[in-house]
């Protein structure tokens, strides 16, 4: 089972549970500016909640129930959805895969 996790640099980041394997990471650029980091994560058993933490004080923490995450049966399905989410007609947007998964965090 795969999910797409999102972080927005300077705004918030998604903490990846220890039982999770991030298989791919991407920078989403809009007119050359990084707007988001997307991570495709593989779960054996999806944890009940995913933690999202604000990057600025007061560092609000939200534990979002994983039942709200769209789930994909294959890596290819997750990639296709990510490509669909990041294309907006003729706007200058790009999805750049990070060479090293740790580069995206």
Protein backbone atom coordinates (compact mmCIF):
# COMPACT_ATOMS: atom_id res chain seq x y z
CA UNK A 1 0.00 0.00 0.00
CA UNK A 2 1.32 3.45 -0.96
CA UNK A 3 0.40 7.00 0.09
CA UNK A 4 1.59 10.46 -0.89
CA UNK A 5 2.85 12.61 1.99
CA UNK A 6 3.25 16.37 1.60
CA UNK A 7 5.49 18.96 3.25
CA UNK A 8 5.65 22.68 2.47
CA UNK A 9 9.08 24.13 3.32
CA UNK A 10 8.75 26.96 5.83
CA UNK A 11 5.11 26.11 6.55
CA UNK A 12 4.80 22.50 7.74
CA UNK A 13 6.34 19.06 7.42
CA UNK A 14 4.94 15.59 7.60
CA UNK A 15 6.75 13.24 9.96
CA UNK A 16 7.21 9.83 8.45
CA UNK A 17 6.37 7.06 10.94
CA UNK A 18 9.23 4.67 11.74
CA UNK A 19 7.24 1.75 10.29
CA UNK A 20 7.20 3.52 6.92
CA UNK A 21 9.52 3.28 3.94
CA UNK A 22 9.78 6.41 1.78
CA UNK A 23 10.48 5.05 -1.69
CA UNK A 24 10.58 8.29 -3.70
CA UNK A 25 10.71 12.02 -3.02
CA UNK A 26 9.95 14.91 -5.34
CA UNK A 27 10.26 18.68 -5.29
CA UNK A 28 7.26 20.46 -6.73
CA UNK A 29 8.36 23.70 -8.37
CA UNK A 30 6.00 26.42 -9.50
CA UNK A 31 7.67 29.02 -11.70
CA UNK A 32 11.03 27.84 -10.37
CA UNK A 33 10.17 28.12 -6.67
CA UNK A 34 9.90 25.00 -4.50
CA UNK A 35 6.34 24.96 -3.22
CA UNK A 36 6.14 21.44 -1.78
CA UNK A 37 7.99 18.22 -1.17
CA UNK A 38 6.05 15.08 -1.98
CA UNK A 39 7.08 11.69 -0.65
CA UNK A 40 5.65 8.41 -1.85
CA UNK A 41 5.69 6.12 1.15
CA UNK A 42 5.05 2.40 1.37
CA UNK A 43 3.24 0.97 4.36
CA UNK A 44 2.91 -2.61 5.45
CA UNK A 45 0.29 -1.55 7.97
CA UNK A 46 -0.82 2.04 7.74
CA UNK A 47 -0.57 3.71 11.17
CA UNK A 48 -3.80 5.14 12.52
CA UNK A 49 -2.48 8.72 12.32
CA UNK A 50 0.08 10.75 10.41
CA UNK A 51 1.75 13.68 12.21
CA UNK A 52 1.96 17.11 10.59
CA UNK A 53 4.04 19.77 12.37
CA UNK A 54 4.12 23.51 11.65
CA UNK A 55 7.62 24.88 10.99
CA UNK A 56 7.10 28.16 12.86
CA UNK A 57 6.06 28.90 16.45
CA UNK A 58 3.91 27.81 18.12
CA UNK A 59 4.78 24.57 16.20
CA UNK A 60 1.23 23.25 16.17
CA UNK A 61 1.06 19.47 15.80
CA UNK A 62 -1.83 17.77 14.04
CA UNK A 63 -2.29 14.03 14.08
CA UNK A 64 -4.36 13.37 10.98
CA UNK A 65 -6.25 10.05 10.78
CA UNK A 66 -4.73 8.03 7.95
CA UNK A 67 -8.22 7.07 6.78
CA UNK A 68 -8.26 10.50 5.07
CA UNK A 69 -5.20 9.67 2.94
CA UNK A 70 -5.75 8.34 -0.55
CA UNK A 71 -4.18 4.91 -0.83
CA UNK A 72 -2.66 3.32 -3.91
CA UNK A 73 -2.09 -0.34 -4.65
CA UNK A 74 1.10 0.23 -6.64
CA UNK A 75 3.95 2.68 -6.95
CA UNK A 76 2.88 3.39 -10.54
CA UNK A 77 -0.61 4.44 -9.37
CA UNK A 78 0.90 6.82 -6.80
CA UNK A 79 3.25 8.31 -9.42
CA UNK A 80 0.35 8.82 -11.85
CA UNK A 81 -1.71 10.61 -9.19
CA UNK A 82 1.22 12.84 -8.25
CA UNK A 83 1.75 13.76 -11.91
CA UNK A 84 -1.96 14.55 -12.22
CA UNK A 85 -1.91 16.73 -9.08
CA UNK A 86 1.00 18.85 -10.26
CA UNK A 87 0.03 19.73 -13.85
CA UNK A 88 -2.06 22.83 -14.50
CA UNK A 89 -2.47 23.46 -18.21
CA UNK A 90 0.26 25.73 -19.51
CA UNK A 91 1.50 26.96 -16.14
CA UNK A 92 5.22 26.61 -15.40
CA UNK A 93 5.19 23.72 -12.94
CA UNK A 94 7.57 20.81 -12.60
CA UNK A 95 8.04 17.72 -10.48
CA UNK A 96 11.71 16.92 -9.89
CA UNK A 97 12.69 13.63 -8.33
CA UNK A 98 15.24 13.94 -5.55
CA UNK A 99 18.35 11.85 -6.17
CA UNK A 100 18.47 10.84 -2.52
CA UNK A 101 15.31 10.41 -0.47
CA UNK A 102 16.99 12.16 2.49
CA UNK A 103 17.59 15.26 0.30
CA UNK A 104 13.87 16.02 0.43
CA UNK A 105 13.57 16.31 4.18
